[in-house]
Amino acid sequence: MSKSRHVAVESRNESFVKKTRTTIWQEVPSEDNPYIAETCRCHGYDLIELMQNRSFVDVLFLLFRGELPQSGQSQLLEHLMIALINPGPRHPATRAAMNAGVGKTDSVHILPIALAVLGGEHLGAGNIEPAMRFLRKHSKKDASAVAQELLAVEKPDEGDWPIAPGFGSRYAGIDQLPNSIAEQLVKMPSAGKCLQWGQAFASALEADQMGWLFPGVAAAVFADLGFQPRMGPGLFQLLSAPGLYAHGIELANKPTTAMPFIQDENYVIET
């Protein structure tokens, strides 16, 4: 019988705070009941006054940036929100929502299931932070030179080529919609160096049948609006959530036959 090995436990010498603190939200307790908030402030702005005087997009910006947006910033973010509102039924996350809905999953779970799939790297939130860092890192370089450097790498034998985070091909061609959306966004007054550089980079990839992908467009706008890269993935999920839920709940009251059932001959088992 082997002897058990005891590992010495060492103190990390860490001192934990006694109270959780946040600079985002202040709740002023009621005089009658300290457990109930009488008023709330978001980064110092009274919630009721924000309801009366500002738009949802302004308060969303305030929540994450700590300050209210300028008019141009608000317009740029609102345009992106509309562009991302629905990934569409072709997207794996939307298909997950639809399958959950038609499968009689409790409606409260449809959106979390879809968002988990949207968290992946393929056209999802997992691509946002790398794309923001890529754009911020290269935005002072010549876009055509960066494109040529990346194109010099050996192309994959099959499948699409995600040549850089947020950019690449889609079904061996250019994904037209995000490129059209980027073309509109880059004309807006608050479009910054990341959107402008990304547009030049996408143009340099056009001859090789590549360009913007949706995560790249979102990443460029987030970066230009001053959001930190670690904020990007969650913002992307948040802005895409309405369409995911809409598709899932649309099928919630329909029979399971409302979605195709994959035939046996379409399953492939690799040996």
Foldseek 3Di string as FASTA:
>chain_A
DDDDDDDDDDDPPDDDDPDDDDQAKDFPADPVDRVDGPWMDGLRHTPVVCVVPHDPLQVVLCNQVVDGDDPLLSVLSVLLLVLQQAPDPVDPLLVQLQLCQQVQNDLVCSLVRSLVSLCDQPLHLVLQLQLLVVLVVPLVDQLLVVLVVLVVPDDDPDDWDPSGRQKTADPQAEPPSVLVSLVVSCPGPLQDSSSVSLNSNQVSCHVRRMHGRSSNSQNSSCVSSPGHSVVRSVVSSVSHRNNSSVSNNVNNPPHSVVDDDDDPVPDDDDD
